[in-house]
Amino acid sequence: MNENTGGGFPLEKNEDEWRKELTPEQYRVLRQHGTERAGTSALNDEKRKGVYFCAGCGTPLFDSDTKYESGSGWPSFYRPRENAVETETDKSLLMTRTEVHCATCGGHLGHVFPDGPKPTGERYCMNGAALKFDEKK
């Protein structure tokens, strides 16, 4: 597992600070590039209007109206909020994928694939452990 120790992001903390602030599962996903098991996130079934935030730093990442049921077992979105995420090439697991991370804290969120719905054709396949949801009332 690769440990994300920062890389010029607006919000940087040392690993001890992250460990204190995050649950063990959030730390494993956000800071160590882990992946939760498919179908385990309560956010898979979340249908309310609202905003999905980075569980590490609170940056707003996705609006609920961009969420869709992909059948992948992870919360999926067809578009992030503007400037909320960054991507980089991930060559782990003997394949090449595009990793998605929070543009503010660098936390690993998941991966983006070119098999999503219109209008973007993208599927941002996110770990629920990396997200927090806030309902719009």
Foldseek 3Di string as FASTA:
>chain_A
DAFAQDDPAQDHDGLVVQPVQADPVLCCCFGVVDADDFQPAPVLPDQFWWFKAFSRPGHTWATNVQWDNPVRRATKGLDIPPPQWDWDWDCPPPRTFIWIAGRHYRTTFGTKDQCDDPPRSIIPGGHNSRIDTDHDD
